[in-house]
Amino acid sequence: MTAVPSAQISDGAPGARPEAPLTLDTAPPRTLDFRALFALWANLGVSLIGFTSAATVLGEPGGELGFAAAVTAVVAGTAIGTAMLAVAALVGARTGAPAMAVLRGLFGTRLSYLPTVLNIVQCVGWGVYELTVVAWGAQTVSGTAGWRWLFVLLAGVLTTVLTIWPLGAIAVLRKYVAVAVGVAMVYFTVQFARRGFPDPGAGNWHGFLHATDAVIAVSVSFVPLAADYTRHARSSAKAFWATFSGYTVAQVWCYVLGIVALLQSGGDESRIFESFTGVAAGWAFLLVLVLRETDQSFANVYSTAMSIHNLWPRVDRRVLTGAIGVLVTVLALQIKEFTDSYYGFLGLIGSVFVPLFAVLAADYFLGAGRRGWNLGQDAPARWSMLLPWAVGFAVYQLLAPSDIGGWWTGFWEGVQRAVHFTPQAWSSASLFSFLVAALATLAVTALERPGTAEPAGRS
């Protein structure tokens, strides 16, 4: 067995602070309490990307959502997306397995390699993007257009160090970083309020569900990472509620501040951080947020290593995280800007995981998971589970084709014409793909022979 049943999971040696296992076949220590997990997800919920993503909520200039509509979309989208995230966190706490190893129970070991490879690509891509954002923020704070290579290098080194001692990094987040970030967020909230908030009654509600969908996608992007951390939770209930509450509060706060900053900067996304540096001592508090952005790159690099562990379970985690940290840093030094097609590709990868999570949740709680999943190296292939995942993915792309190139968008627009379907304002790609994939999973599991999934890794 490469995933250890919860009964065999220890809390670590007395008097010593245990760290994450070096290989997949080692029992994970259960050291993370509610406060540690809350701090982790609260820090991940606040990001420089979150501020700039306010533009995706407001919409195109001239047709922006009203302030009340935008805030409502943020709250609704965060609650829905984070509920999915919290359920994934709960599964990780129950099984004690990393996120991609959990998928052995859903697909079987060999078939789980497919989503594992996709997650590796996603995590590396986001890791590169995060280092780029850190460098951009550092340049803004320092008031220079130069030294980008130095900022990327420093952020890459810090990221890699954090991944060598992940549980220690989470302890630092809980004790120090979360407090500093909270102070910075309160400071900017007060300063922005002094300038005056937008009229909540102005604007319109057209595009509300599209904005909600965009917020859901951001929360769901952490779903394939959640179990990598909550496998160390002391209880599944604490894992669920700490994840849900920490990430929800932080992301809503982050997005609302971003919306206000964007409106105060005249709606120009490229000038959004001028709202932060434009207040008294704003540069100092923005620096705090820039430094803590490395917890985003830390999460992506560490989860890349956890995903690779599903492929090669006995490789030392420190070797993996060190190599991945170097790779992400080198790529970030080479890539100075991201094209629209790159954003579209990351969106495509993200669309994979909404229906995938639906299949996982439906099967774990209502299907074969009730009998117990086999998370071992010998877990048999469950080819039938690929069908609801594929159907959910197709629904997502039918409603919102990813912009990765004219051929891809053209294909799905052709499918829309063939079935005489035109996406409407109410057609949420995330929600509809989730619902269809979940229902398809229940239909498939009803036809699946009992005993296909062998009990293991379930408490």
Protein backbone atom coordinates (compact mmCIF):
# COMPACT_ATOMS: atom_id res chain seq x y z
CA MET A 1 0.00 0.00 0.00
CA THR A 2 1.28 3.46 -0.87
CA ALA A 3 -1.55 5.24 0.89
CA VAL A 4 -1.63 4.52 4.60
CA PRO A 5 -4.96 3.76 6.29
CA SER A 6 -5.90 6.39 8.83
CA ALA A 7 -5.60 3.92 11.67
CA GLN A 8 -1.87 3.68 11.00
CA ILE A 9 -1.26 7.43 10.88
CA SER A 10 0.77 8.70 13.79
CA ASP A 11 1.04 12.12 15.34
CA GLY A 12 4.82 12.08 15.33
CA ALA A 13 7.39 11.37 18.00
CA PRO A 14 6.86 13.02 21.39
CA GLY A 15 8.91 16.18 21.82
CA ALA A 16 9.73 16.51 18.12
CA ARG A 17 8.03 18.58 15.46
CA PRO A 18 7.33 16.12 12.64
CA GLU A 19 7.58 17.08 9.01
CA ALA A 20 5.77 15.84 5.92
CA PRO A 21 6.80 12.34 4.81
CA LEU A 22 9.66 12.03 2.33
CA THR A 23 7.96 9.23 0.39
CA LEU A 24 4.36 8.33 -0.34
CA ASP A 25 4.44 5.05 1.59
CA THR A 26 5.22 6.82 4.89
CA ALA A 27 2.42 7.71 7.30
CA PRO A 28 1.66 11.48 7.38
CA PRO A 29 1.81 13.13 10.83
CA ARG A 30 -1.49 14.61 12.00
CA THR A 31 -0.25 17.94 13.33
CA LEU A 32 -2.45 20.63 11.72
CA ASP A 33 -5.21 21.96 13.93
CA PHE A 34 -8.04 24.34 13.01
CA ARG A 35 -5.94 27.48 13.49
CA ALA A 36 -3.08 26.22 11.33
CA LEU A 37 -5.39 25.21 8.49
CA PHE A 38 -7.43 28.42 8.78
CA ALA A 39 -4.24 30.48 8.52
CA LEU A 40 -3.03 28.44 5.54
CA TRP A 41 -6.21 28.90 3.53
CA ALA A 42 -6.70 32.50 4.62
CA ASN A 43 -3.23 33.30 3.29
CA LEU A 44 -3.92 31.45 0.04
CA GLY A 45 -7.20 33.36 -0.30
CA VAL A 46 -5.39 36.72 -0.38
CA SER A 47 -3.24 37.29 -3.44
CA LEU A 48 -2.07 39.96 -5.84
CA ILE A 49 -3.79 37.95 -8.55
CA GLY A 50 -7.01 38.22 -6.57
CA PHE A 51 -6.79 42.02 -6.63
CA THR A 52 -6.22 42.16 -10.37
CA SER A 53 -8.87 39.49 -11.00
CA ALA A 54 -11.46 42.04 -9.89
CA ALA A 55 -11.47 43.09 -13.55
CA THR A 56 -12.96 39.71 -14.53
CA VAL A 57 -15.81 40.34 -12.09
CA LEU A 58 -16.60 43.91 -13.11
CA GLY A 59 -16.54 43.11 -16.81
CA GLU A 60 -15.58 45.15 -19.85
CA PRO A 61 -15.39 48.98 -19.56
CA GLY A 62 -18.71 50.55 -20.41
CA GLY A 63 -20.69 47.49 -19.38
CA GLU A 64 -19.43 46.94 -15.85
CA LEU A 65 -21.46 45.33 -13.12
CA GLY A 66 -22.71 47.61 -10.42
CA PHE A 67 -20.77 47.58 -7.15
CA ALA A 68 -23.53 45.70 -5.30
CA ALA A 69 -23.81 43.16 -8.11
CA ALA A 70 -20.05 42.65 -8.23
CA VAL A 71 -19.78 42.11 -4.47
CA THR A 72 -22.74 39.71 -4.54
CA ALA A 73 -21.07 37.74 -7.35
CA VAL A 74 -17.87 37.55 -5.29
CA VAL A 75 -19.68 36.29 -2.19
CA ALA A 76 -21.80 33.74 -4.09
CA GLY A 77 -18.94 32.50 -6.28
CA THR A 78 -16.56 32.19 -3.34
CA ALA A 79 -19.09 30.31 -1.21
CA ILE A 80 -19.86 27.82 -3.99
CA GLY A 81 -16.26 27.30 -5.06
CA THR A 82 -14.94 27.07 -1.52
CA ALA A 83 -17.59 24.52 -0.59
CA MET A 84 -16.10 22.30 -3.32
CA LEU A 85 -12.62 23.04 -2.00
CA ALA A 86 -13.64 22.18 1.56
CA VAL A 87 -15.11 18.84 0.49
CA ALA A 88 -11.85 17.99 -1.29
CA ALA A 89 -10.03 18.96 1.91
CA LEU A 90 -12.30 16.68 3.92
CA VAL A 91 -11.56 13.71 1.64
CA GLY A 92 -7.84 14.33 2.08
CA ALA A 93 -8.20 14.40 5.86
CA ARG A 94 -10.16 11.15 5.88
CA THR A 95 -7.86 9.19 3.59
CA GLY A 96 -4.52 10.65 4.67
CA ALA A 97 -3.45 10.61 1.03
CA PRO A 98 -2.25 13.43 -1.26
CA ALA A 99 -4.76 14.75 -3.77
CA MET A 100 -3.59 12.78 -6.81
CA ALA A 101 -3.15 9.58 -4.81
CA VAL A 102 -6.77 9.94 -3.71
CA LEU A 103 -7.72 9.60 -7.38
CA ARG A 104 -6.41 6.03 -7.31
CA GLY A 105 -9.65 5.12 -5.60
CA LEU A 106 -11.68 6.84 -8.29
CA PHE A 107 -9.86 5.68 -11.43
CA GLY A 108 -7.40 3.02 -10.31
CA THR A 109 -3.66 3.63 -10.01
CA ARG A 110 -2.75 3.56 -13.71
CA LEU A 111 -5.66 5.71 -14.87
CA SER A 112 -5.00 8.23 -12.08
CA TYR A 113 -1.80 9.13 -13.93
CA LEU A 114 -3.87 11.09 -16.51
CA PRO A 115 -5.25 13.74 -14.12
CA THR A 116 -1.91 13.65 -12.29
CA VAL A 117 0.00 14.76 -15.38
CA LEU A 118 -2.59 17.48 -16.05
CA ASN A 119 -2.23 18.72 -12.49
CA ILE A 120 1.56 18.80 -12.79
CA VAL A 121 1.25 20.99 -15.88
CA GLN A 122 -1.24 23.23 -14.10
CA CYS A 123 0.85 23.62 -10.95
CA VAL A 124 4.07 24.36 -12.83
CA GLY A 125 2.24 26.94 -14.96
CA TRP A 126 0.74 28.67 -11.95
CA GLY A 127 4.08 28.52 -10.11
CA VAL A 128 5.77 30.38 -12.97
CA TYR A 129 2.93 32.89 -13.05
CA GLU A 130 3.16 33.50 -9.29
CA LEU A 131 6.89 34.24 -9.42
CA THR A 132 6.20 36.67 -12.25
CA VAL A 133 3.52 38.40 -10.18
CA VAL A 134 5.86 38.61 -7.17
CA ALA A 135 8.50 40.27 -9.35
CA TRP A 136 5.91 42.69 -10.73
CA GLY A 137 4.75 43.59 -7.22
CA ALA A 138 8.34 44.04 -6.02
CA GLN A 139 9.05 46.37 -8.94
CA THR A 140 5.94 48.39 -8.07
CA VAL A 141 6.97 48.75 -4.44
CA SER A 142 10.57 49.66 -5.30
CA GLY A 143 9.52 52.02 -8.07
CA THR A 144 11.73 50.49 -10.71
CA ALA A 145 11.22 48.68 -14.01
CA GLY A 146 14.53 46.85 -13.58
CA TRP A 147 15.94 44.12 -11.36
CA ARG A 148 13.21 41.71 -12.41
CA TRP A 149 15.68 38.82 -12.58
CA LEU A 150 16.76 39.45 -9.00
CA PHE A 151 13.20 39.56 -7.66
CA VAL A 152 12.31 36.34 -9.51
CA LEU A 153 15.45 34.62 -8.21
CA LEU A 154 14.84 35.67 -4.60
CA ALA A 155 11.21 34.61 -4.76
CA GLY A 156 12.23 31.27 -6.31
CA VAL A 157 14.77 30.58 -3.57
CA LEU A 158 12.28 31.44 -0.81
CA THR A 159 9.62 29.28 -2.46
CA THR A 160 11.94 26.29 -2.68
CA VAL A 161 13.05 26.62 0.95
CA LEU A 162 9.42 26.67 2.10
CA THR A 163 8.69 23.46 0.23
CA ILE A 164 11.59 21.60 1.89
CA TRP A 165 9.88 22.07 5.28
CA PRO A 166 6.17 22.41 4.37
CA LEU A 167 4.67 21.84 7.82
CA GLY A 168 7.18 24.27 9.30
CA ALA A 169 6.15 26.80 6.64
CA ILE A 170 2.49 26.38 7.60
CA ALA A 171 3.43 26.97 11.25
CA VAL A 172 5.12 30.24 10.27
CA LEU A 173 2.04 31.25 8.30
CA ARG A 174 -0.13 30.65 11.36
CA LYS A 175 2.07 32.47 13.86
CA TYR A 176 3.39 35.45 11.93
CA VAL A 177 2.40 35.86 8.29
CA ALA A 178 -1.36 35.67 8.80
CA VAL A 179 -1.18 38.45 11.40
CA ALA A 180 0.91 40.69 9.13
CA VAL A 181 -1.41 40.10 6.18
CA GLY A 182 -4.45 40.83 8.35
CA VAL A 183 -2.95 44.14 9.48
CA ALA A 184 -2.14 45.12 5.88
CA MET A 185 -5.65 44.25 4.70
CA VAL A 186 -7.27 46.24 7.53
CA TYR A 187 -5.03 49.20 6.76
CA PHE A 188 -5.94 49.25 3.06
CA THR A 189 -9.62 48.78 3.87
CA VAL A 190 -9.61 51.83 6.16
CA GLN A 191 -7.65 53.93 3.67
CA PHE A 192 -9.91 53.04 0.76
CA ALA A 193 -13.00 53.71 2.89
CA ARG A 194 -11.70 57.20 3.63
CA ARG A 195 -11.68 57.85 -0.12
CA GLY A 196 -15.29 56.71 -0.34
CA PHE A 197 -16.87 53.53 -1.64
CA PRO A 198 -18.76 53.42 -4.95
CA ASP A 199 -22.53 53.90 -5.03
CA PRO A 200 -23.93 50.37 -4.45
CA GLY A 201 -27.08 51.22 -6.40
CA ALA A 202 -25.29 52.28 -9.58
CA GLY A 203 -24.55 49.99 -12.51
CA ASN A 204 -26.35 46.87 -13.69
CA TRP A 205 -26.61 43.16 -13.02
CA HIS A 206 -26.06 41.98 -16.59
CA GLY A 207 -23.37 39.33 -16.64
CA PHE A 208 -23.81 38.52 -12.95
CA LEU A 209 -23.62 34.74 -13.43
CA HIS A 210 -20.61 35.04 -15.72
CA ALA A 211 -18.82 36.99 -12.98
CA THR A 212 -19.89 34.41 -10.39
CA ASP A 213 -18.52 31.66 -12.61
CA ALA A 214 -15.15 33.42 -12.83
CA VAL A 215 -14.91 33.59 -9.03
CA ILE A 216 -15.89 29.92 -8.67
CA ALA A 217 -13.08 28.97 -11.04
CA VAL A 218 -10.48 30.69 -8.84
CA SER A 219 -11.60 28.79 -5.73
CA VAL A 220 -11.82 25.49 -7.59
CA SER A 221 -8.25 25.89 -8.87
CA PHE A 222 -7.12 24.79 -5.39
CA VAL A 223 -9.30 21.66 -5.36
CA PRO A 224 -6.56 19.40 -6.86
CA LEU A 225 -4.15 20.69 -4.18
CA ALA A 226 -6.29 20.61 -1.05
CA ALA A 227 -5.63 17.08 0.19
CA ASP A 228 -1.86 17.60 -0.04
CA TYR A 229 -2.19 19.70 3.13
CA THR A 230 -5.32 18.46 4.88
CA ARG A 231 -3.94 14.91 4.93
CA HIS A 232 -2.08 16.28 7.97
CA ALA A 233 -5.27 17.54 9.67
CA ARG A 234 -6.14 16.27 13.11
CA SER A 235 -9.75 15.69 12.10
CA SER A 236 -11.82 15.79 8.93
CA ALA A 237 -14.33 18.20 10.49
CA LYS A 238 -11.59 20.71 11.31
CA ALA A 239 -10.18 20.31 7.82
CA PHE A 240 -13.54 21.09 6.25
CA TRP A 241 -14.49 24.10 8.36
CA ALA A 242 -11.01 25.62 8.53
CA THR A 243 -10.69 25.42 4.76
CA PHE A 244 -14.17 26.79 4.09
CA SER A 245 -14.04 29.64 6.59
CA GLY A 246 -10.42 30.67 6.05
CA TYR A 247 -10.54 30.76 2.27
CA THR A 248 -14.03 32.29 2.05
CA VAL A 249 -13.30 35.22 4.35
CA ALA A 250 -9.94 35.95 2.72
CA GLN A 251 -11.03 35.71 -0.91
CA VAL A 252 -14.16 37.82 -0.45
CA TRP A 253 -12.12 40.48 1.34
CA CYS A 254 -9.40 40.35 -1.31
CA TYR A 255 -11.79 40.64 -4.25
CA VAL A 256 -13.83 43.45 -2.72
CA LEU A 257 -10.67 45.46 -2.06
CA GLY A 258 -9.60 44.75 -5.62
CA ILE A 259 -12.92 45.98 -6.99
CA VAL A 260 -12.68 49.19 -4.97
CA ALA A 261 -9.04 49.73 -5.99
CA LEU A 262 -9.91 49.15 -9.63
CA LEU A 263 -12.78 51.61 -9.56
CA GLN A 264 -10.63 54.18 -7.78
CA SER A 265 -7.96 53.79 -10.47
CA GLY A 266 -10.46 54.58 -13.22
CA GLY A 267 -11.05 50.94 -14.19
CA ASP A 268 -7.54 50.56 -15.62
CA GLU A 269 -6.30 47.11 -14.55
CA SER A 270 -2.66 48.07 -15.23
CA ARG A 271 -2.92 50.92 -12.68
CA ILE A 272 -4.70 49.03 -9.93
CA PHE A 273 -1.71 48.95 -7.58
CA GLU A 274 -1.46 52.74 -7.77
CA SER A 275 -4.49 52.72 -5.48
CA PHE A 276 -2.42 50.76 -2.94
CA THR A 277 0.79 52.75 -3.22
CA GLY A 278 -1.16 56.00 -3.38
CA VAL A 279 -2.18 55.90 0.30
CA ALA A 280 0.09 56.96 3.15
CA ALA A 281 2.79 54.31 3.70
CA GLY A 282 0.95 52.14 1.20
CA TRP A 283 4.22 50.84 -0.22
CA ALA A 284 5.15 49.26 3.12
CA PHE A 285 1.87 47.40 3.51
CA LEU A 286 1.89 46.37 -0.16
CA LEU A 287 5.37 44.96 0.42
CA VAL A 288 3.89 42.66 3.07
CA LEU A 289 1.41 41.33 0.51
CA VAL A 290 4.15 40.93 -2.11
CA LEU A 291 6.34 38.90 0.26
CA ARG A 292 3.49 36.64 1.30
CA GLU A 293 2.64 35.97 -2.35
CA THR A 294 5.37 33.33 -2.18
CA ASP A 295 2.96 31.09 -0.26
CA GLN A 296 1.05 30.78 -3.56
CA SER A 297 4.16 29.64 -5.42
CA PHE A 298 5.02 27.41 -2.43
CA ALA A 299 1.63 25.67 -2.72
CA ASN A 300 2.07 25.08 -6.45
CA VAL A 301 5.63 23.78 -6.22
CA TYR A 302 4.90 21.52 -3.25
CA SER A 303 1.75 20.12 -4.85
CA THR A 304 3.68 19.44 -8.04
CA ALA A 305 5.97 17.23 -5.97
CA MET A 306 2.99 15.52 -4.34
CA SER A 307 1.54 14.84 -7.78
CA ILE A 308 4.82 13.35 -8.99
CA HIS A 309 4.77 11.12 -5.90
CA ASN A 310 1.68 9.45 -7.36
CA LEU A 311 3.83 8.47 -10.35
CA TRP A 312 7.03 7.64 -8.44
CA PRO A 313 6.06 7.11 -4.79
CA ARG A 314 9.55 6.37 -3.41
CA VAL A 315 11.44 9.41 -4.70
CA ASP A 316 12.56 11.71 -1.87
CA ARG A 317 10.19 14.68 -1.58
CA ARG A 318 13.07 17.09 -0.94
CA VAL A 319 14.72 16.13 -4.22
CA LEU A 320 11.45 16.67 -6.06
CA THR A 321 10.64 20.05 -4.53
CA GLY A 322 14.20 21.27 -5.01
CA ALA A 323 14.23 20.30 -8.68
CA ILE A 324 10.75 21.74 -9.31
CA GLY A 325 11.67 24.98 -7.54
CA VAL A 326 14.68 25.37 -9.83
CA LEU A 327 12.57 24.56 -12.92
CA VAL A 328 9.85 27.08 -12.04
CA THR A 329 12.41 29.78 -11.29
CA VAL A 330 14.28 29.21 -14.57
CA LEU A 331 11.02 29.34 -16.54
CA ALA A 332 9.95 32.52 -14.75
CA LEU A 333 13.27 34.14 -15.66
CA GLN A 334 12.66 33.33 -19.32
CA ILE A 335 8.96 34.22 -19.53
CA LYS A 336 8.50 37.94 -19.07
CA GLU A 337 4.86 38.20 -20.09
CA PHE A 338 1.91 35.93 -20.68
CA THR A 339 -0.15 35.90 -23.86
CA ASP A 340 -3.92 35.51 -24.02
CA SER A 341 -3.47 31.95 -25.29
CA TYR A 342 -1.45 31.09 -22.16
CA TYR A 343 -4.25 32.37 -19.92
CA GLY A 344 -6.67 30.38 -22.04
CA PHE A 345 -4.57 27.24 -21.59
CA LEU A 346 -4.59 27.61 -17.81
CA GLY A 347 -8.34 28.13 -18.03
CA LEU A 348 -8.60 24.92 -20.04
CA ILE A 349 -6.67 23.00 -17.38
CA GLY A 350 -8.94 24.54 -14.74
CA SER A 351 -12.05 23.40 -16.59
CA VAL A 352 -10.77 19.85 -16.27
CA PHE A 353 -11.00 19.89 -12.48
CA VAL A 354 -14.55 21.17 -11.93
CA PRO A 355 -16.18 18.05 -13.44
CA LEU A 356 -13.37 15.87 -12.07
CA PHE A 357 -14.17 17.01 -8.55
CA ALA A 358 -17.88 16.35 -9.19
CA VAL A 359 -17.07 12.77 -10.18
CA LEU A 360 -14.82 12.34 -7.15
CA ALA A 361 -17.36 13.72 -4.65
CA ALA A 362 -20.30 11.78 -6.09
CA ASP A 363 -18.42 8.47 -6.13
CA TYR A 364 -16.73 8.93 -2.75
CA PHE A 365 -19.85 9.86 -0.79
CA LEU A 366 -22.62 8.16 -2.79
CA GLY A 367 -20.90 5.48 -4.89
CA ALA A 368 -18.02 3.06 -4.46
CA GLY A 369 -16.48 5.23 -1.76
CA ARG A 370 -19.15 4.09 0.67
CA ARG A 371 -17.65 0.61 0.46
CA GLY A 372 -14.12 1.97 0.68
CA TRP A 373 -11.61 2.96 -1.99
CA ASN A 374 -8.42 1.11 -2.76
CA LEU A 375 -5.63 3.72 -2.71
CA GLY A 376 -2.79 1.25 -3.06
CA GLN A 377 -0.36 0.68 -5.90
CA ASP A 378 -2.53 -2.27 -7.00
CA ALA A 379 -5.81 -0.33 -7.28
CA PRO A 380 -7.64 -1.75 -10.35
CA ALA A 381 -8.59 0.45 -13.29
CA ARG A 382 -12.14 1.85 -13.31
CA TRP A 383 -12.55 2.87 -16.93
CA SER A 384 -16.23 3.72 -16.45
CA MET A 385 -15.31 6.75 -14.32
CA LEU A 386 -13.71 8.43 -17.34
CA LEU A 387 -17.13 8.79 -18.98
CA PRO A 388 -18.81 11.22 -16.52
CA TRP A 389 -15.58 13.23 -16.33
CA ALA A 390 -15.48 13.54 -20.12
CA VAL A 391 -19.17 14.46 -20.29
CA GLY A 392 -18.72 17.16 -17.65
CA PHE A 393 -15.70 18.55 -19.48
CA ALA A 394 -17.65 18.66 -22.75
CA VAL A 395 -20.51 20.54 -21.07
CA TYR A 396 -18.06 23.08 -19.64
CA GLN A 397 -16.47 23.70 -23.04
CA LEU A 398 -19.84 23.87 -24.77
CA LEU A 399 -20.92 26.65 -22.41
CA ALA A 400 -17.58 28.48 -22.22
CA PRO A 401 -14.97 27.40 -24.80
CA SER A 402 -11.43 28.04 -23.56
CA ASP A 403 -9.54 30.61 -25.63
CA ILE A 404 -6.42 28.59 -26.44
CA GLY A 405 -6.51 29.12 -30.19
CA GLY A 406 -8.95 29.70 -33.00
CA TRP A 407 -9.18 26.01 -33.82
CA TRP A 408 -10.33 25.04 -30.31
CA THR A 409 -12.86 27.84 -29.94
CA GLY A 410 -14.03 27.26 -33.51
CA PHE A 411 -14.61 23.56 -32.80
CA TRP A 412 -16.86 24.22 -29.82
CA GLU A 413 -18.68 27.03 -31.58
CA GLY A 414 -19.32 24.52 -34.37
CA VAL A 415 -20.74 22.09 -31.81
CA GLN A 416 -22.97 24.88 -30.49
CA ARG A 417 -24.34 25.51 -33.97
CA ALA A 418 -24.80 21.79 -34.60
CA VAL A 419 -26.96 21.36 -31.50
CA HIS A 420 -28.64 24.77 -31.98
CA PHE A 421 -27.40 26.06 -28.63
CA THR A 422 -26.45 29.62 -27.74
CA PRO A 423 -24.92 30.24 -24.27
CA GLN A 424 -27.17 32.45 -22.19
CA ALA A 425 -26.45 34.80 -19.31
CA TRP A 426 -27.76 32.16 -16.88
CA SER A 427 -25.58 29.31 -18.25
CA SER A 428 -22.80 28.89 -15.68
CA ALA A 429 -20.12 26.57 -17.07
CA SER A 430 -18.85 25.60 -13.61
CA LEU A 431 -22.23 24.82 -12.08
CA PHE A 432 -23.72 23.02 -15.07
CA SER A 433 -20.63 20.91 -15.74
CA PHE A 434 -20.48 19.99 -12.05
CA LEU A 435 -24.14 18.98 -11.97
CA VAL A 436 -24.00 16.94 -15.19
CA ALA A 437 -20.79 15.15 -14.17
CA ALA A 438 -22.18 14.32 -10.72
CA LEU A 439 -25.44 12.92 -12.12
CA ALA A 440 -23.57 10.94 -14.75
CA THR A 441 -21.34 9.49 -12.02
CA LEU A 442 -24.32 8.32 -10.00
CA ALA A 443 -25.74 6.67 -13.11
CA VAL A 444 -22.46 4.89 -13.84
CA THR A 445 -21.91 3.75 -10.24
CA ALA A 446 -25.43 2.31 -10.17
CA LEU A 447 -24.41 0.03 -13.04
CA GLU A 448 -20.95 -0.76 -11.70
CA ARG A 449 -20.45 -4.21 -10.19
CA PRO A 450 -20.08 -4.23 -6.37
CA GLY A 451 -16.55 -5.00 -5.26
CA THR A 452 -14.83 -3.16 -8.11
CA ALA A 453 -13.21 -0.85 -5.57
CA GLU A 454 -11.44 -2.66 -2.74
CA PRO A 455 -11.62 -1.16 0.76
CA ALA A 456 -8.64 0.84 1.94
CA GLY A 457 -7.69 4.32 3.05
CA ARG A 458 -11.08 5.29 4.46
CA SER A 459 -12.00 6.12 8.02
